[in-house]
C-alpha atoms as a PDB file:
ATOM      1  CA  UNK A   1     -14.508  26.962 -27.372  1.00  0.00           C
ATOM      2  CA  UNK A   2     -14.722  23.688 -29.025  1.00  0.00           C
ATOM      3  CA  UNK A   3     -15.284  20.324 -27.568  1.00  0.00           C
ATOM      4  CA  UNK A   4     -11.459  18.984 -28.269  1.00  0.00           C
ATOM      5  CA  UNK A   5     -10.186  22.299 -26.494  1.00  0.00           C
ATOM      6  CA  UNK A   6     -12.457  21.493 -23.532  1.00  0.00           C
ATOM      7  CA  UNK A   7     -11.013  18.237 -23.131  1.00  0.00           C
ATOM      8  CA  UNK A   8      -7.672  19.356 -23.461  1.00  0.00           C
ATOM      9  CA  UNK A   9      -8.088  21.853 -20.576  1.00  0.00           C
ATOM     10  CA  UNK A  10      -9.473  19.168 -18.525  1.00  0.00           C
ATOM     11  CA  UNK A  11      -6.721  16.780 -19.096  1.00  0.00           C
ATOM     12  CA  UNK A  12      -3.961  19.615 -18.537  1.00  0.00           C
ATOM     13  CA  UNK A  13      -5.994  20.552 -15.428  1.00  0.00           C
ATOM     14  CA  UNK A  14      -6.248  16.790 -14.197  1.00  0.00           C
ATOM     15  CA  UNK A  15      -2.538  16.143 -14.870  1.00  0.00           C
ATOM     16  CA  UNK A  16      -1.746  19.351 -12.605  1.00  0.00           C
ATOM     17  CA  UNK A  17      -3.830  17.886  -9.868  1.00  0.00           C
ATOM     18  CA  UNK A  18      -2.267  14.365 -10.273  1.00  0.00           C
ATOM     19  CA  UNK A  19       1.353  15.761  -9.849  1.00  0.00           C
ATOM     20  CA  UNK A  20       0.068  17.982  -6.929  1.00  0.00           C
ATOM     21  CA  UNK A  21      -1.226  14.788  -5.152  1.00  0.00           C
ATOM     22  CA  UNK A  22       1.824  12.723  -6.089  1.00  0.00           C
ATOM     23  CA  UNK A  23       3.952  15.372  -4.454  1.00  0.00           C
ATOM     24  CA  UNK A  24       2.032  15.340  -1.529  1.00  0.00           C
ATOM     25  CA  UNK A  25       1.678  11.800  -1.364  1.00  0.00           C
ATOM     26  CA  UNK A  26       5.611  11.482  -1.340  1.00  0.00           C
ATOM     27  CA  UNK A  27       5.934  13.893   1.675  1.00  0.00           C
ATOM     28  CA  UNK A  28       3.509  12.026   3.816  1.00  0.00           C
ATOM     29  CA  UNK A  29       5.192   8.605   3.004  1.00  0.00           C
ATOM     30  CA  UNK A  30       8.462  10.375   4.357  1.00  0.00           C
ATOM     31  CA  UNK A  31       6.992  11.349   7.424  1.00  0.00           C
ATOM     32  CA  UNK A  32       5.756   7.728   8.074  1.00  0.00           C
ATOM     33  CA  UNK A  33       9.124   6.306   6.812  1.00  0.00           C
ATOM     34  CA  UNK A  34       7.389   3.713   4.436  1.00  0.00           C
ATOM     35  CA  UNK A  35       7.838   3.280   0.665  1.00  0.00           C
ATOM     36  CA  UNK A  36       5.273   3.357  -2.136  1.00  0.00           C
ATOM     37  CA  UNK A  37       5.392  -0.301  -2.328  1.00  0.00           C
ATOM     38  CA  UNK A  38       4.672  -0.458   1.417  1.00  0.00           C
ATOM     39  CA  UNK A  39       2.165   1.838   1.312  1.00  0.00           C
ATOM     40  CA  UNK A  40       0.290  -0.069  -1.632  1.00  0.00           C
ATOM     41  CA  UNK A  41       0.508  -3.283   0.496  1.00  0.00           C
ATOM     42  CA  UNK A  42      -1.079  -1.508   3.209  1.00  0.00           C
ATOM     43  CA  UNK A  43      -3.873  -0.438   0.939  1.00  0.00           C
ATOM     44  CA  UNK A  44      -4.373  -3.951  -0.127  1.00  0.00           C
ATOM     45  CA  UNK A  45      -4.540  -5.429   3.557  1.00  0.00           C
ATOM     46  CA  UNK A  46      -6.948  -2.368   4.473  1.00  0.00           C
ATOM     47  CA  UNK A  47      -9.246  -3.198   1.517  1.00  0.00           C
ATOM     48  CA  UNK A  48      -9.003  -7.001   1.417  1.00  0.00           C
ATOM     49  CA  UNK A  49      -8.619  -7.548   5.411  1.00  0.00           C
ATOM     50  CA  UNK A  50      -6.197 -10.618   6.434  1.00  0.00           C
ATOM     51  CA  UNK A  51      -4.185 -11.956   3.328  1.00  0.00           C
ATOM     52  CA  UNK A  52      -1.365 -14.553   2.958  1.00  0.00           C
ATOM     53  CA  UNK A  53       1.820 -13.418   1.517  1.00  0.00           C
ATOM     54  CA  UNK A  54       1.172 -15.342  -1.536  1.00  0.00           C
ATOM     55  CA  UNK A  55      -2.085 -13.458  -1.946  1.00  0.00           C
ATOM     56  CA  UNK A  56      -0.577 -10.144  -1.079  1.00  0.00           C
ATOM     57  CA  UNK A  57       2.024 -10.837  -3.666  1.00  0.00           C
ATOM     58  CA  UNK A  58      -0.516 -11.446  -6.365  1.00  0.00           C
ATOM     59  CA  UNK A  59      -2.382  -8.381  -5.750  1.00  0.00           C
ATOM     60  CA  UNK A  60       0.996  -6.272  -5.622  1.00  0.00           C
ATOM     61  CA  UNK A  61       2.395  -8.110  -8.675  1.00  0.00           C
ATOM     62  CA  UNK A  62       5.771  -8.512  -6.722  1.00  0.00           C
ATOM     63  CA  UNK A  63       7.917 -11.618  -6.325  1.00  0.00           C
ATOM     64  CA  UNK A  64       6.750 -13.486  -3.008  1.00  0.00           C
ATOM     65  CA  UNK A  65      10.478 -13.009  -1.863  1.00  0.00           C
ATOM     66  CA  UNK A  66      10.198  -9.198  -2.510  1.00  0.00           C
ATOM     67  CA  UNK A  67       6.937  -8.993  -0.757  1.00  0.00           C
ATOM     68  CA  UNK A  68       7.816 -10.802   2.309  1.00  0.00           C
ATOM     69  CA  UNK A  69      11.019  -8.382   2.942  1.00  0.00           C
ATOM     70  CA  UNK A  70       8.431  -5.475   2.507  1.00  0.00           C
ATOM     71  CA  UNK A  71       5.995  -6.882   4.929  1.00  0.00           C
ATOM     72  CA  UNK A  72       8.830  -8.073   7.521  1.00  0.00           C
ATOM     73  CA  UNK A  73       9.734  -4.243   7.321  1.00  0.00           C
ATOM     74  CA  UNK A  74       6.137  -3.092   7.849  1.00  0.00           C
ATOM     75  CA  UNK A  75       5.880  -5.871  11.037  1.00  0.00           C
ATOM     76  CA  UNK A  76       9.070  -4.489  12.588  1.00  0.00           C
ATOM     77  CA  UNK A  77       7.373  -0.739  12.274  1.00  0.00           C
ATOM     78  CA  UNK A  78       4.362  -2.216  13.685  1.00  0.00           C
ATOM     79  CA  UNK A  79       1.842  -1.605  10.587  1.00  0.00           C
ATOM     80  CA  UNK A  80       1.344  -5.346  10.114  1.00  0.00           C
ATOM     81  CA  UNK A  81       1.073  -8.226  12.051  1.00  0.00           C
ATOM     82  CA  UNK A  82       1.705 -11.953  10.914  1.00  0.00           C
ATOM     83  CA  UNK A  83       0.097 -15.107  11.926  1.00  0.00           C
ATOM     84  CA  UNK A  84       0.157 -18.647  11.000  1.00  0.00           C
ATOM     85  CA  UNK A  85      -2.594 -19.396   8.734  1.00  0.00           C
ATOM     86  CA  UNK A  86      -4.700 -22.629   7.609  1.00  0.00           C
ATOM     87  CA  UNK A  87      -1.924 -25.178   6.033  1.00  0.00           C
ATOM     88  CA  UNK A  88       1.241 -23.330   7.402  1.00  0.00           C
ATOM     89  CA  UNK A  89       0.982 -20.048   5.084  1.00  0.00           C
ATOM     90  CA  UNK A  90       1.728 -16.920   6.949  1.00  0.00           C
ATOM     91  CA  UNK A  91      -1.220 -14.404   6.929  1.00  0.00           C
ATOM     92  CA  UNK A  92      -0.650 -10.958   7.314  1.00  0.00           C
ATOM     93  CA  UNK A  93      -3.233  -8.237   8.698  1.00  0.00           C
ATOM     94  CA  UNK A  94      -2.862  -4.224   8.425  1.00  0.00           C
ATOM     95  CA  UNK A  95      -3.026  -2.085  11.542  1.00  0.00           C
ATOM     96  CA  UNK A  96      -4.410   1.555  11.378  1.00  0.00           C
ATOM     97  CA  UNK A  97      -1.744   2.598  13.686  1.00  0.00           C
ATOM     98  CA  UNK A  98       1.933   1.719  13.965  1.00  0.00           C
ATOM     99  CA  UNK A  99       2.700  -0.681  16.745  1.00  0.00           C
ATOM    100  CA  UNK A 100      -1.156  -1.246  17.068  1.00  0.00           C
ATOM    101  CA  UNK A 101      -1.032  -4.927  16.756  1.00  0.00           C
ATOM    102  CA  UNK A 102      -1.874  -6.291  20.115  1.00  0.00           C
ATOM    103  CA  UNK A 103      -4.451  -9.136  19.261  1.00  0.00           C
ATOM    104  CA  UNK A 104      -1.664 -11.692  18.087  1.00  0.00           C
END
């Protein structure tokens, strides 16, 4: 088998794995009643810690208003906590458990 054939086989295998992960991920998101963009926000908050809505908007490449709506839904579900930040900005912190925000 030539090098290019190995590359093609590896690429095909990676695509199959990616599809399986995507399918399983959709099932898990449905079980927790969150969307892919909401999950992306939780990942960003987990990686970065506390972020303002503007900072989170930039990381997600979403409009500020879209991010605000997304975070509001996550807050109602108990996945994030909102607090007043410096200069009147709203800061957002992720929670590892639904309804786990008790520090604010």
